[in-house]
């Protein structure tokens, strides 16, 4: 179990990230190490707005939403590492994105993101999303720190 000081609950996540429903895609951070890595999750429910069209009768959580969830976890790590600011972390690129299995209602989507390097406001990460220990998605991605 994660140390309670390494847990970040939704209220603080909302203080760190500008995202709101229906695009706030991380429910809790379970562990993090400043400037290194972060773990968290999103509970996927049948009430996700995307399921009305993706796909009726066969709800599958969209891969782009999984990638966005990984990026939001990275954003929390960035803000915790750098301190609060009037800046945003914006996607700058995605490489090696792979989708291994679908996920849907009832799944807990676990995120694990590692900071590879940071240079001149560009942060490079590697992330993996899993359900019950099975890889759902993996990707390398970059975020750019920009003024709001």
N, C-alpha and C. Protein backbone atom coordinates (compact mmCIF):
# COMPACT_ATOMS: atom_id res chain seq x y z
N UNK A 1 0.84 -1.18 0.00
CA UNK A 1 0.00 0.00 0.00
C UNK A 1 0.89 1.24 0.00
N UNK A 2 0.47 2.23 -0.72
CA UNK A 2 1.25 3.47 -0.83
C UNK A 2 1.22 4.26 0.47
N UNK A 3 2.31 4.91 0.75
CA UNK A 3 2.42 5.83 1.88
C UNK A 3 1.39 6.94 1.68
N UNK A 4 0.63 7.28 2.74
CA UNK A 4 -0.44 8.28 2.59
C UNK A 4 0.10 9.64 2.15
N UNK A 5 1.37 9.92 2.43
CA UNK A 5 1.95 11.18 1.97
C UNK A 5 2.26 11.15 0.48
N UNK A 6 2.24 9.98 -0.12
CA UNK A 6 2.48 9.84 -1.55
C UNK A 6 1.16 9.69 -2.31
N UNK A 7 0.04 9.78 -1.62
CA UNK A 7 -1.28 9.70 -2.24
C UNK A 7 -1.79 11.11 -2.49
N UNK A 8 -2.33 11.33 -3.68
CA UNK A 8 -2.94 12.62 -4.01
C UNK A 8 -4.39 12.34 -4.39
N UNK A 9 -5.31 12.93 -3.64
CA UNK A 9 -6.73 12.71 -3.87
C UNK A 9 -7.27 13.72 -4.88
N UNK A 10 -8.48 13.47 -5.34
CA UNK A 10 -9.07 14.23 -6.43
C UNK A 10 -9.10 15.74 -6.18
N UNK A 11 -9.33 16.15 -4.96
CA UNK A 11 -9.39 17.59 -4.67
C UNK A 11 -8.06 18.27 -5.03
N UNK A 12 -6.95 17.67 -4.63
CA UNK A 12 -5.65 18.26 -4.95
C UNK A 12 -5.33 18.11 -6.44
N UNK A 13 -5.73 17.00 -7.04
CA UNK A 13 -5.52 16.84 -8.48
C UNK A 13 -6.21 17.98 -9.22
N UNK A 14 -7.42 18.34 -8.79
CA UNK A 14 -8.16 19.43 -9.43
C UNK A 14 -7.52 20.78 -9.18
N UNK A 15 -6.76 20.91 -8.10
CA UNK A 15 -6.02 22.14 -7.86
C UNK A 15 -4.79 22.23 -8.77
N UNK A 16 -4.26 21.08 -9.17
CA UNK A 16 -3.06 21.04 -10.01
C UNK A 16 -3.37 21.10 -11.50
N UNK A 17 -4.41 20.39 -11.93
CA UNK A 17 -4.74 20.30 -13.35
C UNK A 17 -5.92 21.20 -13.71
N UNK A 18 -5.92 21.78 -14.91
CA UNK A 18 -7.06 22.60 -15.33
C UNK A 18 -8.23 21.77 -15.87
N UNK A 19 -8.04 20.49 -16.09
CA UNK A 19 -9.07 19.64 -16.69
C UNK A 19 -10.27 19.47 -15.76
N UNK A 20 -11.45 19.35 -16.36
CA UNK A 20 -12.68 19.12 -15.62
C UNK A 20 -13.52 18.10 -16.38
N UNK A 21 -14.56 17.62 -15.71
CA UNK A 21 -15.47 16.65 -16.31
C UNK A 21 -15.93 17.16 -17.67
N UNK A 22 -15.94 16.36 -18.68
CA UNK A 22 -15.67 14.92 -18.70
C UNK A 22 -14.23 14.56 -19.07
N UNK A 23 -13.33 15.54 -19.01
CA UNK A 23 -11.95 15.28 -19.45
C UNK A 23 -10.93 15.24 -18.32
N UNK A 24 -11.36 15.14 -17.09
CA UNK A 24 -10.43 14.87 -15.99
C UNK A 24 -10.34 13.36 -15.89
N UNK A 25 -9.20 12.80 -16.25
CA UNK A 25 -9.08 11.36 -16.46
C UNK A 25 -8.15 10.67 -15.47
N UNK A 26 -7.93 11.27 -14.32
CA UNK A 26 -7.17 10.62 -13.25
C UNK A 26 -7.93 10.87 -11.95
N UNK A 27 -8.29 9.78 -11.27
CA UNK A 27 -9.08 9.88 -10.04
C UNK A 27 -8.21 10.01 -8.79
N UNK A 28 -7.06 9.36 -8.81
CA UNK A 28 -6.20 9.37 -7.63
C UNK A 28 -4.77 9.04 -8.04
N UNK A 29 -3.83 9.65 -7.36
CA UNK A 29 -2.41 9.29 -7.48
C UNK A 29 -2.11 8.41 -6.28
N UNK A 30 -1.51 7.26 -6.52
CA UNK A 30 -1.21 6.32 -5.44
C UNK A 30 0.24 6.36 -4.98
N UNK A 31 1.11 6.91 -5.82
CA UNK A 31 2.52 7.00 -5.46
C UNK A 31 3.21 7.92 -6.46
N UNK A 32 4.23 8.62 -5.99
CA UNK A 32 5.04 9.43 -6.90
C UNK A 32 6.38 9.71 -6.26
N UNK A 33 7.36 9.97 -7.11
CA UNK A 33 8.67 10.42 -6.67
C UNK A 33 8.99 11.66 -7.50
N UNK A 34 9.13 12.80 -6.83
CA UNK A 34 9.33 14.06 -7.54
C UNK A 34 10.45 13.95 -8.57
N UNK A 35 10.16 14.43 -9.77
CA UNK A 35 11.15 14.43 -10.84
C UNK A 35 11.47 13.07 -11.42
N UNK A 36 10.71 12.03 -11.03
CA UNK A 36 11.04 10.68 -11.50
C UNK A 36 9.85 9.90 -12.05
N UNK A 37 8.82 9.69 -11.22
CA UNK A 37 7.74 8.80 -11.65
C UNK A 37 6.46 9.07 -10.86
N UNK A 38 5.37 8.53 -11.41
CA UNK A 38 4.07 8.68 -10.76
C UNK A 38 3.20 7.48 -11.12
N UNK A 39 2.33 7.10 -10.18
CA UNK A 39 1.35 6.04 -10.41
C UNK A 39 -0.01 6.56 -9.96
N UNK A 40 -1.02 6.21 -10.70
CA UNK A 40 -2.37 6.63 -10.35
C UNK A 40 -3.38 5.78 -11.10
N UNK A 41 -4.66 6.17 -10.99
CA UNK A 41 -5.67 5.38 -11.69
C UNK A 41 -6.92 6.18 -12.00
N UNK A 42 -7.70 5.63 -12.91
CA UNK A 42 -9.04 6.10 -13.23
C UNK A 42 -9.97 4.90 -13.19
N UNK A 43 -11.07 5.06 -12.48
CA UNK A 43 -12.11 4.04 -12.50
C UNK A 43 -13.01 4.29 -13.71
N UNK A 44 -13.13 3.30 -14.56
CA UNK A 44 -13.97 3.41 -15.75
C UNK A 44 -15.37 2.94 -15.38
N UNK A 45 -16.36 3.81 -15.58
CA UNK A 45 -17.74 3.45 -15.26
C UNK A 45 -18.59 3.48 -16.53
N UNK A 46 -19.74 2.85 -16.46
CA UNK A 46 -20.66 2.84 -17.60
C UNK A 46 -21.16 4.24 -17.93
N UNK A 47 -21.06 5.16 -16.97
CA UNK A 47 -21.55 6.53 -17.16
C UNK A 47 -20.59 7.44 -17.91
N UNK A 48 -19.46 6.94 -18.39
CA UNK A 48 -18.54 7.77 -19.16
C UNK A 48 -19.26 8.28 -20.41
N UNK A 49 -19.22 9.59 -20.67
CA UNK A 49 -19.93 10.14 -21.84
C UNK A 49 -19.51 9.51 -23.17
N UNK A 50 -18.27 9.07 -23.28
CA UNK A 50 -17.78 8.50 -24.55
C UNK A 50 -18.51 7.22 -24.94
N UNK A 51 -19.11 6.52 -23.96
CA UNK A 51 -19.73 5.24 -24.26
C UNK A 51 -21.04 5.38 -25.04
N UNK A 52 -21.61 6.58 -25.12
CA UNK A 52 -22.83 6.73 -25.92
C UNK A 52 -22.55 6.48 -27.40
N UNK A 53 -21.32 6.70 -27.82
CA UNK A 53 -21.00 6.49 -29.23
C UNK A 53 -19.82 5.57 -29.47
N UNK A 54 -19.17 5.07 -28.41
CA UNK A 54 -17.93 4.27 -28.57
C UNK A 54 -18.02 3.01 -27.73
N UNK A 55 -18.65 2.06 -27.95
CA UNK A 55 -19.56 1.79 -29.04
C UNK A 55 -20.88 1.34 -28.44
N UNK A 56 -22.02 1.77 -28.98
CA UNK A 56 -23.31 1.36 -28.40
C UNK A 56 -23.42 -0.17 -28.33
N UNK A 57 -23.73 -0.65 -27.15
CA UNK A 57 -23.85 -2.09 -26.94
C UNK A 57 -22.53 -2.80 -26.72
N UNK A 58 -21.41 -2.13 -26.95
CA UNK A 58 -20.07 -2.71 -26.77
C UNK A 58 -19.13 -1.60 -26.30
N UNK A 59 -19.33 -1.08 -25.07
CA UNK A 59 -18.55 0.08 -24.63
C UNK A 59 -17.06 -0.24 -24.47
N UNK A 60 -16.25 0.51 -25.21
CA UNK A 60 -14.79 0.40 -25.13
C UNK A 60 -14.24 1.80 -24.87
N UNK A 61 -13.43 1.94 -23.84
CA UNK A 61 -12.84 3.24 -23.51
C UNK A 61 -11.84 3.60 -24.61
N UNK A 62 -11.98 4.78 -25.23
CA UNK A 62 -11.13 5.15 -26.37
C UNK A 62 -9.64 5.22 -26.02
N UNK A 63 -8.83 4.73 -26.94
CA UNK A 63 -7.38 4.77 -26.75
C UNK A 63 -6.84 6.17 -26.55
N UNK A 64 -7.40 7.15 -27.26
CA UNK A 64 -6.92 8.52 -27.09
C UNK A 64 -7.19 9.04 -25.69
N UNK A 65 -8.26 8.55 -25.05
CA UNK A 65 -8.54 8.95 -23.67
C UNK A 65 -7.54 8.31 -22.71
N UNK A 66 -7.11 7.11 -23.02
CA UNK A 66 -6.08 6.45 -22.20
C UNK A 66 -4.77 7.24 -22.30
N UNK A 67 -4.40 7.62 -23.51
CA UNK A 67 -3.19 8.44 -23.69
C UNK A 67 -3.31 9.76 -22.95
N UNK A 68 -4.48 10.38 -23.00
CA UNK A 68 -4.70 11.64 -22.28
C UNK A 68 -4.58 11.42 -20.77
N UNK A 69 -5.09 10.30 -20.26
CA UNK A 69 -4.95 9.99 -18.83
C UNK A 69 -3.49 9.85 -18.42
N UNK A 70 -2.69 9.20 -19.26
CA UNK A 70 -1.25 9.10 -18.98
C UNK A 70 -0.62 10.49 -18.95
N UNK A 71 -1.01 11.34 -19.90
CA UNK A 71 -0.46 12.71 -19.94
C UNK A 71 -0.89 13.51 -18.72
N UNK A 72 -2.12 13.31 -18.24
CA UNK A 72 -2.56 14.03 -17.05
C UNK A 72 -1.78 13.57 -15.82
N UNK A 73 -1.49 12.29 -15.73
CA UNK A 73 -0.64 11.81 -14.64
C UNK A 73 0.73 12.48 -14.72
N UNK A 74 1.27 12.58 -15.93
CA UNK A 74 2.55 13.26 -16.12
C UNK A 74 2.44 14.73 -15.73
N UNK A 75 1.32 15.36 -16.03
CA UNK A 75 1.10 16.76 -15.64
C UNK A 75 1.10 16.94 -14.14
N UNK A 76 0.46 16.03 -13.42
CA UNK A 76 0.48 16.09 -11.96
C UNK A 76 1.92 16.00 -11.46
N UNK A 77 2.69 15.06 -12.02
CA UNK A 77 4.09 14.92 -11.63
C UNK A 77 4.86 16.21 -11.91
N UNK A 78 4.63 16.80 -13.07
CA UNK A 78 5.31 18.05 -13.43
C UNK A 78 4.99 19.17 -12.47
N UNK A 79 3.70 19.36 -12.18
CA UNK A 79 3.31 20.44 -11.26
C UNK A 79 3.83 20.19 -9.85
N UNK A 80 3.80 18.94 -9.39
CA UNK A 80 4.33 18.63 -8.05
C UNK A 80 5.84 18.85 -8.01
N UNK A 81 6.53 18.52 -9.10
CA UNK A 81 7.98 18.67 -9.16
C UNK A 81 8.39 20.13 -9.23
N UNK A 82 7.73 20.90 -10.08
CA UNK A 82 8.11 22.30 -10.33
C UNK A 82 7.43 23.29 -9.39
N UNK A 83 6.41 22.84 -8.67
CA UNK A 83 5.63 23.77 -7.86
C UNK A 83 4.52 24.36 -8.71
N UNK A 84 3.56 24.97 -8.06
CA UNK A 84 2.43 25.53 -8.80
C UNK A 84 2.90 26.69 -9.66
N UNK A 85 2.22 26.84 -10.78
CA UNK A 85 2.59 27.92 -11.69
C UNK A 85 1.39 28.28 -12.55
N UNK A 86 1.57 29.31 -13.35
CA UNK A 86 0.54 29.70 -14.30
C UNK A 86 0.85 29.11 -15.67
N UNK A 87 1.37 27.90 -15.68
CA UNK A 87 1.73 27.25 -16.93
C UNK A 87 0.90 25.99 -17.13
N UNK A 88 0.85 25.55 -18.37
CA UNK A 88 0.18 24.30 -18.73
C UNK A 88 1.21 23.33 -19.30
N UNK A 89 0.91 22.05 -19.19
CA UNK A 89 1.68 21.03 -19.86
C UNK A 89 0.84 20.58 -21.05
N UNK A 90 1.34 20.83 -22.25
CA UNK A 90 0.61 20.49 -23.47
C UNK A 90 1.33 19.36 -24.20
N UNK A 91 0.54 18.47 -24.80
CA UNK A 91 1.14 17.40 -25.60
C UNK A 91 2.02 18.00 -26.68
N UNK A 92 3.23 17.48 -26.84
CA UNK A 92 4.13 17.92 -27.90
C UNK A 92 4.42 16.78 -28.88
N UNK A 93 4.13 15.55 -28.48
CA UNK A 93 4.35 14.42 -29.37
C UNK A 93 4.07 13.10 -28.68
N UNK A 94 3.71 12.11 -29.47
CA UNK A 94 3.47 10.76 -28.98
C UNK A 94 4.21 9.80 -29.91
N UNK A 95 5.00 8.90 -29.33
CA UNK A 95 5.73 7.90 -30.09
C UNK A 95 5.45 6.52 -29.52
N UNK A 96 5.54 5.53 -30.37
CA UNK A 96 5.45 4.13 -29.96
C UNK A 96 4.17 3.81 -29.19
N UNK A 97 3.06 4.47 -29.51
CA UNK A 97 1.79 4.16 -28.84
C UNK A 97 1.31 2.79 -29.30
N UNK A 98 1.01 1.95 -28.33
CA UNK A 98 0.53 0.60 -28.62
C UNK A 98 -0.68 0.31 -27.74
N UNK A 99 -1.68 -0.32 -28.35
CA UNK A 99 -2.89 -0.69 -27.62
C UNK A 99 -2.99 -2.21 -27.65
N UNK A 100 -2.95 -2.83 -26.48
CA UNK A 100 -2.85 -4.28 -26.38
C UNK A 100 -4.19 -4.97 -26.14
N UNK A 101 -5.09 -4.31 -25.42
CA UNK A 101 -6.39 -4.90 -25.13
C UNK A 101 -7.36 -3.78 -24.79
N UNK A 102 -8.65 -4.01 -24.99
CA UNK A 102 -9.63 -2.97 -24.66
C UNK A 102 -9.90 -2.92 -23.16
N UNK A 103 -10.43 -1.80 -22.72
CA UNK A 103 -10.93 -1.70 -21.36
C UNK A 103 -12.29 -1.01 -21.42
N UNK A 104 -13.08 -1.23 -20.39
CA UNK A 104 -14.43 -0.68 -20.40
C UNK A 104 -15.01 -0.59 -19.00
N UNK A 105 -16.34 -0.47 -18.92
CA UNK A 105 -17.00 -0.29 -17.63
C UNK A 105 -16.60 -1.36 -16.62
N UNK A 106 -16.32 -0.91 -15.41
CA UNK A 106 -15.94 -1.80 -14.33
C UNK A 106 -14.44 -1.98 -14.17
N UNK A 107 -13.67 -1.52 -15.15
CA UNK A 107 -12.21 -1.65 -15.07
C UNK A 107 -11.60 -0.48 -14.30
N UNK A 108 -10.54 -0.79 -13.57
CA UNK A 108 -9.71 0.26 -12.98
C UNK A 108 -8.47 0.37 -13.86
N UNK A 109 -8.32 1.52 -14.49
CA UNK A 109 -7.22 1.77 -15.41
C UNK A 109 -6.06 2.36 -14.61
N UNK A 110 -5.01 1.57 -14.42
CA UNK A 110 -3.85 2.01 -13.64
C UNK A 110 -2.82 2.63 -14.56
N UNK A 111 -2.31 3.79 -14.14
CA UNK A 111 -1.29 4.51 -14.90
C UNK A 111 0.05 4.42 -14.18
N UNK A 112 1.12 4.21 -14.94
CA UNK A 112 2.49 4.30 -14.42
C UNK A 112 3.29 5.10 -15.43
N UNK A 113 3.81 6.25 -15.00
CA UNK A 113 4.52 7.15 -15.90
C UNK A 113 5.89 7.45 -15.31
N UNK A 114 6.90 7.40 -16.16
CA UNK A 114 8.27 7.68 -15.74
C UNK A 114 8.81 8.85 -16.56
N UNK A 115 9.43 9.80 -15.87
CA UNK A 115 10.09 10.92 -16.55
C UNK A 115 11.42 10.42 -17.09
N UNK A 116 11.61 10.55 -18.40
CA UNK A 116 12.86 10.13 -19.03
C UNK A 116 13.87 11.27 -18.99
N UNK A 117 13.43 12.47 -19.40
CA UNK A 117 14.31 13.64 -19.32
C UNK A 117 13.49 14.91 -19.48
N UNK A 118 14.10 16.02 -19.06
CA UNK A 118 13.50 17.35 -19.22
C UNK A 118 14.58 18.28 -19.73
N UNK A 119 14.23 19.05 -20.75
CA UNK A 119 15.19 20.00 -21.29
C UNK A 119 14.43 21.18 -21.89
N UNK A 120 14.75 22.37 -21.40
CA UNK A 120 14.16 23.62 -21.90
C UNK A 120 12.64 23.60 -21.95
N UNK A 121 12.04 23.06 -20.91
CA UNK A 121 10.58 23.05 -20.83
C UNK A 121 9.91 21.94 -21.60
N UNK A 122 10.68 21.06 -22.22
CA UNK A 122 10.13 19.88 -22.90
C UNK A 122 10.41 18.67 -22.02
N UNK A 123 9.36 17.98 -21.66
CA UNK A 123 9.46 16.82 -20.78
C UNK A 123 9.17 15.56 -21.59
N UNK A 124 10.05 14.56 -21.51
CA UNK A 124 9.84 13.29 -22.20
C UNK A 124 9.50 12.22 -21.17
N UNK A 125 8.42 11.48 -21.45
CA UNK A 125 7.91 10.47 -20.53
C UNK A 125 7.74 9.14 -21.24
N UNK A 126 7.69 8.09 -20.43
CA UNK A 126 7.28 6.77 -20.89
C UNK A 126 6.15 6.33 -19.97
N UNK A 127 5.04 5.87 -20.55
CA UNK A 127 3.90 5.50 -19.73
C UNK A 127 3.29 4.17 -20.13
N UNK A 128 2.69 3.52 -19.13
CA UNK A 128 1.99 2.25 -19.34
C UNK A 128 0.68 2.33 -18.58
N UNK A 129 -0.40 1.89 -19.24
CA UNK A 129 -1.71 1.78 -18.59
C UNK A 129 -2.06 0.30 -18.54
N UNK A 130 -2.52 -0.16 -17.37
CA UNK A 130 -2.86 -1.56 -17.19
C UNK A 130 -4.23 -1.71 -16.55
N UNK A 131 -4.82 -2.88 -16.73
CA UNK A 131 -6.02 -3.29 -16.01
C UNK A 131 -5.73 -4.67 -15.44
N UNK A 132 -5.86 -4.81 -14.15
CA UNK A 132 -5.57 -6.08 -13.47
C UNK A 132 -4.20 -6.63 -13.84
N UNK A 133 -3.23 -5.73 -13.99
CA UNK A 133 -1.86 -6.13 -14.28
C UNK A 133 -1.56 -6.40 -15.75
N UNK A 134 -2.58 -6.42 -16.60
CA UNK A 134 -2.38 -6.66 -18.04
C UNK A 134 -2.25 -5.32 -18.76
N UNK A 135 -1.26 -5.22 -19.63
CA UNK A 135 -1.03 -3.96 -20.35
C UNK A 135 -2.17 -3.69 -21.32
N UNK A 136 -2.72 -2.49 -21.21
CA UNK A 136 -3.76 -2.00 -22.11
C UNK A 136 -3.14 -1.09 -23.16
N UNK A 137 -2.21 -0.23 -22.71
CA UNK A 137 -1.61 0.77 -23.60
C UNK A 137 -0.22 1.11 -23.08
N UNK A 138 0.69 1.37 -24.01
CA UNK A 138 2.00 1.89 -23.65
C UNK A 138 2.38 2.94 -24.68
N UNK A 139 3.15 3.93 -24.25
CA UNK A 139 3.55 5.00 -25.17
C UNK A 139 4.69 5.80 -24.57
N UNK A 140 5.47 6.40 -25.45
CA UNK A 140 6.42 7.44 -25.08
C UNK A 140 5.79 8.74 -25.55
N UNK A 141 5.92 9.79 -24.76
CA UNK A 141 5.30 11.05 -25.16
C UNK A 141 6.06 12.22 -24.58
N UNK A 142 5.85 13.37 -25.21
CA UNK A 142 6.48 14.61 -24.75
C UNK A 142 5.41 15.64 -24.43
N UNK A 143 5.69 16.43 -23.41
CA UNK A 143 4.83 17.54 -23.04
C UNK A 143 5.68 18.80 -23.01
N UNK A 144 5.09 19.89 -23.42
CA UNK A 144 5.77 21.18 -23.40
C UNK A 144 5.14 22.05 -22.34
N UNK A 145 5.96 22.67 -21.52
CA UNK A 145 5.49 23.58 -20.48
C UNK A 145 5.34 24.96 -21.11
N UNK A 146 4.12 25.50 -21.09
CA UNK A 146 3.84 26.78 -21.72
C UNK A 146 3.02 27.67 -20.80
N UNK A 147 3.21 28.99 -20.96
CA UNK A 147 2.42 29.95 -20.19
C UNK A 147 0.96 29.88 -20.62
N UNK A 148 0.07 30.11 -19.65
CA UNK A 148 -1.37 30.11 -19.95
C UNK A 148 -1.77 31.37 -20.66
